[in-house]
């Protein structure tokens, strides 16, 4: 039986909703909004993707994305870097302050997620982590193409 990929991917959105339910960035961490937080975390794990690719991954149009990037640059959390082989491409790179902040954000998110998944049994957790591993492996294959 062939499954419809678009329909099945809806489960990923539902999972993200369930995991992030009730999550908020602590105000004492940084003067950034949730969109800027997503940009920083995507840059941290973007595997040197271009600004355009990061904007698409987050689901933002060029204008709002560029404005958020400019704010993050002004806060000295990230910087733009031209691609060494294709000067038309611009990449984003975390500064030392950006790396420190993203680590703090990651620690906070992980604590939130731990509270959300504590209701799962050991078998459900094992299946959950196996599924995440499969999704990550598949994403790396598709991104590399």
N, C-alpha and C. Protein backbone atom coordinates (compact mmCIF):
# COMPACT_ATOMS: atom_id res chain seq x y z
N UNK A 1 0.84 -1.18 0.00
CA UNK A 1 0.00 0.00 0.00
C UNK A 1 0.89 1.25 0.00
N UNK A 2 0.70 2.11 -0.96
CA UNK A 2 1.49 3.32 -1.08
C UNK A 2 0.84 4.43 -0.25
N UNK A 3 1.66 5.05 0.59
CA UNK A 3 1.17 6.13 1.43
C UNK A 3 1.41 7.47 0.73
N UNK A 4 0.57 8.43 1.03
CA UNK A 4 0.74 9.77 0.49
C UNK A 4 1.69 10.54 1.40
N UNK A 5 2.83 10.90 0.85
CA UNK A 5 3.88 11.54 1.63
C UNK A 5 3.41 12.83 2.29
N UNK A 6 2.71 13.67 1.55
CA UNK A 6 2.26 14.95 2.10
C UNK A 6 1.37 14.73 3.32
N UNK A 7 0.52 13.74 3.25
CA UNK A 7 -0.37 13.44 4.37
C UNK A 7 0.41 12.90 5.56
N UNK A 8 1.36 12.01 5.29
CA UNK A 8 2.15 11.41 6.36
C UNK A 8 3.05 12.45 7.03
N UNK A 9 3.54 13.42 6.25
CA UNK A 9 4.40 14.45 6.84
C UNK A 9 3.63 15.36 7.81
N UNK A 10 2.32 15.36 7.71
CA UNK A 10 1.51 16.11 8.66
C UNK A 10 1.78 15.63 10.09
N UNK A 11 2.09 14.35 10.24
CA UNK A 11 2.39 13.81 11.56
C UNK A 11 3.63 14.47 12.16
N UNK A 12 4.58 14.87 11.31
CA UNK A 12 5.78 15.55 11.81
C UNK A 12 5.39 16.90 12.40
N UNK A 13 4.51 17.61 11.70
CA UNK A 13 4.04 18.90 12.23
C UNK A 13 3.28 18.72 13.54
N UNK A 14 2.46 17.67 13.61
CA UNK A 14 1.73 17.39 14.84
C UNK A 14 2.69 17.06 15.98
N UNK A 15 3.73 16.32 15.68
CA UNK A 15 4.72 15.97 16.69
C UNK A 15 5.44 17.22 17.19
N UNK A 16 5.84 18.08 16.26
CA UNK A 16 6.50 19.32 16.66
C UNK A 16 5.57 20.15 17.54
N UNK A 17 4.30 20.22 17.17
CA UNK A 17 3.33 20.96 17.99
C UNK A 17 3.25 20.36 19.39
N UNK A 18 3.16 19.04 19.47
CA UNK A 18 3.03 18.37 20.77
C UNK A 18 4.28 18.60 21.64
N UNK A 19 5.45 18.55 21.02
CA UNK A 19 6.68 18.74 21.78
C UNK A 19 6.88 20.19 22.23
N UNK A 20 6.55 21.13 21.37
CA UNK A 20 6.77 22.54 21.69
C UNK A 20 5.62 23.16 22.49
N UNK A 21 4.53 22.43 22.68
CA UNK A 21 3.38 22.95 23.41
C UNK A 21 3.83 23.44 24.78
N UNK A 22 3.53 24.69 25.07
CA UNK A 22 3.89 25.28 26.35
C UNK A 22 5.31 25.82 26.43
N UNK A 23 6.08 25.70 25.34
CA UNK A 23 7.47 26.18 25.36
C UNK A 23 7.51 27.68 25.12
N UNK A 24 8.36 28.36 25.85
CA UNK A 24 8.64 29.77 25.62
C UNK A 24 10.09 30.03 26.01
N UNK A 25 10.76 30.81 25.21
CA UNK A 25 12.14 31.20 25.52
C UNK A 25 12.12 32.09 26.75
N UNK A 26 12.90 31.75 27.77
CA UNK A 26 12.94 32.61 28.96
C UNK A 26 13.43 34.01 28.60
N UNK A 27 12.75 35.01 29.10
CA UNK A 27 13.08 36.41 28.78
C UNK A 27 14.49 36.77 29.22
N UNK A 28 15.01 36.09 30.24
CA UNK A 28 16.35 36.43 30.73
C UNK A 28 17.47 35.91 29.84
N UNK A 29 17.14 35.03 28.88
CA UNK A 29 18.18 34.49 28.01
C UNK A 29 18.65 35.51 26.98
N UNK A 30 17.72 36.17 26.34
CA UNK A 30 18.11 37.11 25.29
C UNK A 30 16.93 37.97 24.87
N UNK A 31 17.23 39.15 24.32
CA UNK A 31 16.16 40.03 23.84
C UNK A 31 15.76 39.67 22.40
N UNK A 32 15.44 38.42 22.17
CA UNK A 32 15.06 37.99 20.82
C UNK A 32 13.67 37.38 20.85
N UNK A 33 13.04 37.35 19.67
CA UNK A 33 11.71 36.74 19.58
C UNK A 33 11.83 35.29 19.11
N UNK A 34 10.71 34.60 19.02
CA UNK A 34 10.74 33.17 18.67
C UNK A 34 11.24 32.93 17.25
N UNK A 35 10.96 33.84 16.33
CA UNK A 35 11.47 33.70 14.96
C UNK A 35 12.98 33.80 14.95
N UNK A 36 13.51 34.75 15.66
CA UNK A 36 14.96 34.91 15.73
C UNK A 36 15.61 33.71 16.43
N UNK A 37 14.92 33.18 17.42
CA UNK A 37 15.42 31.96 18.09
C UNK A 37 15.50 30.81 17.08
N UNK A 38 14.45 30.65 16.26
CA UNK A 38 14.45 29.59 15.25
C UNK A 38 15.57 29.78 14.23
N UNK A 39 15.82 31.03 13.86
CA UNK A 39 16.92 31.31 12.92
C UNK A 39 18.24 30.88 13.53
N UNK A 40 18.50 31.30 14.76
CA UNK A 40 19.77 30.94 15.41
C UNK A 40 19.94 29.43 15.51
N UNK A 41 18.89 28.74 15.92
CA UNK A 41 19.00 27.29 16.08
C UNK A 41 19.15 26.59 14.73
N UNK A 42 18.53 27.13 13.69
CA UNK A 42 18.67 26.54 12.36
C UNK A 42 20.08 26.78 11.83
N UNK A 43 20.63 27.97 12.07
CA UNK A 43 22.01 28.25 11.65
C UNK A 43 22.96 27.30 12.36
N UNK A 44 22.72 27.04 13.63
CA UNK A 44 23.60 26.16 14.40
C UNK A 44 23.69 24.78 13.75
N UNK A 45 22.59 24.29 13.20
CA UNK A 45 22.55 22.94 12.65
C UNK A 45 22.34 22.91 11.13
N UNK A 46 22.66 23.99 10.44
CA UNK A 46 22.31 24.10 9.02
C UNK A 46 23.28 23.43 8.06
N UNK A 47 24.38 22.92 8.53
CA UNK A 47 25.36 22.27 7.65
C UNK A 47 25.79 23.21 6.52
N UNK A 48 26.04 24.49 6.87
CA UNK A 48 26.55 25.48 5.93
C UNK A 48 25.59 25.77 4.78
N UNK A 49 24.31 25.79 5.07
CA UNK A 49 23.31 26.12 4.05
C UNK A 49 23.30 27.62 3.79
N UNK A 50 22.84 28.02 2.62
CA UNK A 50 22.77 29.44 2.29
C UNK A 50 21.63 30.11 3.06
N UNK A 51 21.64 31.45 3.06
CA UNK A 51 20.56 32.20 3.71
C UNK A 51 19.21 31.83 3.10
N UNK A 52 19.17 31.68 1.79
CA UNK A 52 17.92 31.34 1.12
C UNK A 52 17.40 29.98 1.61
N UNK A 53 18.29 29.00 1.72
CA UNK A 53 17.90 27.67 2.18
C UNK A 53 17.41 27.71 3.62
N UNK A 54 18.06 28.51 4.46
CA UNK A 54 17.64 28.62 5.86
C UNK A 54 16.28 29.30 5.94
N UNK A 55 16.07 30.35 5.17
CA UNK A 55 14.77 31.03 5.16
C UNK A 55 13.66 30.07 4.74
N UNK A 56 13.92 29.27 3.72
CA UNK A 56 12.93 28.29 3.27
C UNK A 56 12.66 27.24 4.34
N UNK A 57 13.73 26.77 5.00
CA UNK A 57 13.57 25.75 6.03
C UNK A 57 12.70 26.26 7.18
N UNK A 58 12.83 27.54 7.48
CA UNK A 58 12.05 28.14 8.56
C UNK A 58 10.66 28.54 8.08
N UNK A 59 10.52 28.75 6.78
CA UNK A 59 9.23 29.13 6.22
C UNK A 59 8.99 30.63 6.22
N UNK A 60 10.07 31.40 6.09
CA UNK A 60 9.95 32.86 6.06
C UNK A 60 10.24 33.42 4.68
N UNK A 61 9.55 34.49 4.34
CA UNK A 61 9.83 35.20 3.11
C UNK A 61 11.13 35.99 3.28
N UNK A 62 11.72 36.39 2.15
CA UNK A 62 13.03 37.05 2.15
C UNK A 62 13.05 38.31 3.02
N UNK A 63 12.05 39.16 2.92
CA UNK A 63 12.03 40.44 3.66
C UNK A 63 12.06 40.26 5.17
N UNK A 64 11.08 39.54 5.74
CA UNK A 64 11.08 39.35 7.19
C UNK A 64 12.31 38.57 7.68
N UNK A 65 12.77 37.64 6.86
CA UNK A 65 13.96 36.87 7.24
C UNK A 65 15.18 37.79 7.31
N UNK A 66 15.38 38.61 6.28
CA UNK A 66 16.53 39.53 6.25
C UNK A 66 16.47 40.52 7.40
N UNK A 67 15.28 40.99 7.75
CA UNK A 67 15.13 41.93 8.87
C UNK A 67 15.53 41.25 10.18
N UNK A 68 15.10 40.01 10.37
CA UNK A 68 15.46 39.28 11.59
C UNK A 68 16.97 39.02 11.64
N UNK A 69 17.55 38.67 10.50
CA UNK A 69 19.00 38.45 10.44
C UNK A 69 19.74 39.74 10.79
N UNK A 70 19.27 40.87 10.28
CA UNK A 70 19.92 42.15 10.59
C UNK A 70 19.86 42.44 12.09
N UNK A 71 18.74 42.13 12.72
CA UNK A 71 18.62 42.32 14.17
C UNK A 71 19.61 41.43 14.91
N UNK A 72 19.72 40.18 14.48
CA UNK A 72 20.65 39.24 15.13
C UNK A 72 22.10 39.66 14.91
N UNK A 73 22.39 40.25 13.76
CA UNK A 73 23.73 40.79 13.51
C UNK A 73 24.01 41.98 14.44
N UNK A 74 23.01 42.86 14.59
CA UNK A 74 23.18 44.02 15.47
C UNK A 74 23.40 43.59 16.92
N UNK A 75 22.81 42.47 17.31
CA UNK A 75 23.00 41.93 18.65
C UNK A 75 24.30 41.12 18.75
N UNK A 76 25.01 41.06 17.65
CA UNK A 76 26.29 40.33 17.55
C UNK A 76 26.15 38.85 17.90
N UNK A 77 25.04 38.25 17.42
CA UNK A 77 24.80 36.83 17.63
C UNK A 77 25.14 36.01 16.40
N UNK A 78 25.11 36.64 15.23
CA UNK A 78 25.54 35.96 14.00
C UNK A 78 26.10 36.97 13.03
N UNK A 79 26.73 36.43 11.98
CA UNK A 79 27.30 37.27 10.93
C UNK A 79 27.11 36.59 9.58
N UNK A 80 27.07 37.43 8.56
CA UNK A 80 26.95 36.93 7.19
C UNK A 80 28.35 36.67 6.64
N UNK A 81 28.44 35.59 5.85
CA UNK A 81 29.71 35.25 5.20
C UNK A 81 29.42 34.89 3.74
N UNK A 82 30.16 35.49 2.83
CA UNK A 82 30.03 35.14 1.40
C UNK A 82 30.65 33.77 1.16
N UNK A 83 30.03 32.99 0.29
CA UNK A 83 30.55 31.68 -0.09
C UNK A 83 31.87 31.88 -0.83
N UNK A 84 32.84 31.05 -0.53
CA UNK A 84 34.17 31.21 -1.15
C UNK A 84 34.19 30.78 -2.61
N UNK A 85 33.28 29.91 -3.03
CA UNK A 85 33.27 29.45 -4.42
C UNK A 85 32.20 30.13 -5.27
N UNK A 86 31.10 30.54 -4.65
CA UNK A 86 30.02 31.22 -5.37
C UNK A 86 29.67 32.48 -4.59
N UNK A 87 30.23 33.60 -5.01
CA UNK A 87 30.10 34.87 -4.28
C UNK A 87 28.65 35.35 -4.18
N UNK A 88 27.74 34.79 -4.98
CA UNK A 88 26.34 35.18 -4.89
C UNK A 88 25.67 34.62 -3.63
N UNK A 89 26.21 33.52 -3.12
CA UNK A 89 25.63 32.87 -1.95
C UNK A 89 26.16 33.48 -0.66
N UNK A 90 25.23 33.67 0.28
CA UNK A 90 25.61 34.18 1.59
C UNK A 90 25.21 33.13 2.63
N UNK A 91 26.14 32.86 3.52
CA UNK A 91 25.90 31.92 4.61
C UNK A 91 25.84 32.70 5.91
N UNK A 92 25.24 32.11 6.91
CA UNK A 92 25.19 32.71 8.23
C UNK A 92 26.06 31.90 9.17
N UNK A 93 26.73 32.59 10.06
CA UNK A 93 27.63 31.93 11.01
C UNK A 93 27.39 32.53 12.39
N UNK A 94 27.30 31.67 13.39
CA UNK A 94 27.14 32.15 14.75
C UNK A 94 28.43 32.78 15.25
N UNK A 95 28.31 33.86 15.99
CA UNK A 95 29.46 34.44 16.67
C UNK A 95 29.68 33.65 17.96
N UNK A 96 30.70 33.99 18.70
CA UNK A 96 30.94 33.33 19.99
C UNK A 96 29.74 33.55 20.92
N UNK A 97 29.20 34.77 20.92
CA UNK A 97 28.01 35.05 21.74
C UNK A 97 26.81 34.25 21.25
N UNK A 98 26.69 34.10 19.94
CA UNK A 98 25.61 33.31 19.36
C UNK A 98 25.73 31.84 19.72
N UNK A 99 26.95 31.33 19.73
CA UNK A 99 27.16 29.93 20.11
C UNK A 99 26.79 29.70 21.56
N UNK A 100 27.17 30.63 22.43
CA UNK A 100 26.83 30.52 23.84
C UNK A 100 25.31 30.57 24.03
N UNK A 101 24.66 31.50 23.37
CA UNK A 101 23.21 31.63 23.50
C UNK A 101 22.49 30.40 22.97
N UNK A 102 22.90 29.90 21.82
CA UNK A 102 22.22 28.72 21.27
C UNK A 102 22.40 27.50 22.17
N UNK A 103 23.53 27.40 22.85
CA UNK A 103 23.71 26.30 23.80
C UNK A 103 22.75 26.44 24.97
N UNK A 104 22.57 27.66 25.45
CA UNK A 104 21.63 27.90 26.54
C UNK A 104 20.20 27.60 26.09
N UNK A 105 19.86 28.01 24.88
CA UNK A 105 18.52 27.74 24.34
C UNK A 105 18.32 26.24 24.21
N UNK A 106 19.33 25.56 23.67
CA UNK A 106 19.23 24.11 23.50
C UNK A 106 19.02 23.40 24.84
N UNK A 107 19.75 23.82 25.86
CA UNK A 107 19.58 23.22 27.19
C UNK A 107 18.16 23.44 27.70
N UNK A 108 17.64 24.64 27.48
CA UNK A 108 16.27 24.95 27.93
C UNK A 108 15.24 24.11 27.16
N UNK A 109 15.43 24.01 25.84
CA UNK A 109 14.50 23.22 25.02
C UNK A 109 14.54 21.76 25.43
N UNK A 110 15.73 21.23 25.64
CA UNK A 110 15.86 19.82 26.03
C UNK A 110 15.14 19.53 27.35
N UNK A 111 15.26 20.46 28.30
CA UNK A 111 14.55 20.29 29.57
C UNK A 111 13.04 20.30 29.34
N UNK A 112 12.59 21.18 28.46
CA UNK A 112 11.15 21.23 28.13
C UNK A 112 10.71 19.92 27.48
N UNK A 113 11.48 19.45 26.50
CA UNK A 113 11.13 18.20 25.82
C UNK A 113 11.10 17.02 26.79
N UNK A 114 12.06 16.99 27.71
CA UNK A 114 12.11 15.90 28.69
C UNK A 114 10.81 15.86 29.51
N UNK A 115 10.30 17.04 29.84
CA UNK A 115 9.05 17.07 30.60
C UNK A 115 7.87 16.62 29.73
N UNK A 116 7.95 16.85 28.43
CA UNK A 116 6.85 16.48 27.52
C UNK A 116 6.83 14.98 27.24
N UNK A 117 8.00 14.33 27.17
CA UNK A 117 8.03 12.91 26.77
C UNK A 117 8.06 11.96 27.96
N UNK A 118 8.04 12.49 29.18
CA UNK A 118 8.13 11.63 30.35
C UNK A 118 6.95 10.67 30.48
N UNK A 119 5.87 10.95 29.79
CA UNK A 119 4.70 10.07 29.85
C UNK A 119 4.83 8.84 28.94
N UNK A 120 5.86 8.80 28.10
CA UNK A 120 6.05 7.66 27.20
C UNK A 120 6.70 6.49 27.95
N UNK A 121 6.32 5.29 27.54
CA UNK A 121 6.95 4.10 28.12
C UNK A 121 8.35 3.94 27.53
N UNK A 122 9.14 3.04 28.11
CA UNK A 122 10.49 2.79 27.61
C UNK A 122 10.45 2.32 26.16
N UNK A 123 9.49 1.46 25.82
CA UNK A 123 9.36 0.97 24.43
C UNK A 123 8.98 2.11 23.49
N UNK A 124 8.06 2.96 23.92
CA UNK A 124 7.64 4.09 23.09
C UNK A 124 8.79 5.07 22.89
N UNK A 125 9.58 5.29 23.93
CA UNK A 125 10.74 6.17 23.80
C UNK A 125 11.76 5.60 22.82
N UNK A 126 12.00 4.30 22.90
CA UNK A 126 12.94 3.66 21.99
C UNK A 126 12.46 3.79 20.55
N UNK A 127 11.18 3.57 20.30
CA UNK A 127 10.61 3.70 18.96
C UNK A 127 10.68 5.16 18.49
N UNK A 128 10.41 6.08 19.40
CA UNK A 128 10.46 7.51 19.09
C UNK A 128 11.86 7.92 18.64
N UNK A 129 12.88 7.54 19.41
CA UNK A 129 14.26 7.90 19.06
C UNK A 129 14.72 7.20 17.78
N UNK A 130 14.26 5.99 17.54
CA UNK A 130 14.60 5.29 16.30
C UNK A 130 13.98 6.02 15.10
N UNK A 131 12.75 6.47 15.25
CA UNK A 131 12.08 7.20 14.17
C UNK A 131 12.79 8.52 13.90
N UNK A 132 13.20 9.22 14.94
CA UNK A 132 13.94 10.48 14.76
C UNK A 132 15.26 10.24 14.04
N UNK A 133 15.93 9.16 14.39
CA UNK A 133 17.19 8.83 13.74
C UNK A 133 16.98 8.56 12.25
N UNK A 134 15.93 7.85 11.92
CA UNK A 134 15.60 7.57 10.53
C UNK A 134 15.30 8.85 9.77
N UNK A 135 14.52 9.75 10.38
CA UNK A 135 14.20 11.03 9.74
C UNK A 135 15.45 11.86 9.51
N UNK A 136 16.34 11.90 10.48
CA UNK A 136 17.58 12.66 10.35
C UNK A 136 18.44 12.10 9.22
N UNK A 137 18.57 10.79 9.17
CA UNK A 137 19.36 10.14 8.11
C UNK A 137 18.77 10.45 6.73
N UNK A 138 17.46 10.35 6.61
CA UNK A 138 16.79 10.62 5.33
C UNK A 138 16.96 12.08 4.93
N UNK A 139 16.84 12.99 5.89
CA UNK A 139 17.00 14.42 5.60
C UNK A 139 18.40 14.72 5.07
N UNK A 140 19.41 14.11 5.68
CA UNK A 140 20.79 14.33 5.24
C UNK A 140 20.99 13.84 3.80
N UNK A 141 20.39 12.73 3.47
CA UNK A 141 20.49 12.20 2.10
C UNK A 141 19.84 13.16 1.12
N UNK A 142 18.63 13.61 1.44
CA UNK A 142 17.89 14.48 0.52
C UNK A 142 18.54 15.85 0.41
N UNK A 143 19.09 16.38 1.49
CA UNK A 143 19.75 17.68 1.46
C UNK A 143 21.02 17.62 0.63
N UNK A 144 21.73 16.52 0.69
CA UNK A 144 23.00 16.38 -0.02
C UNK A 144 22.82 16.31 -1.54
N UNK A 145 21.63 16.01 -1.99
CA UNK A 145 21.41 15.87 -3.44
C UNK A 145 21.29 17.21 -4.11
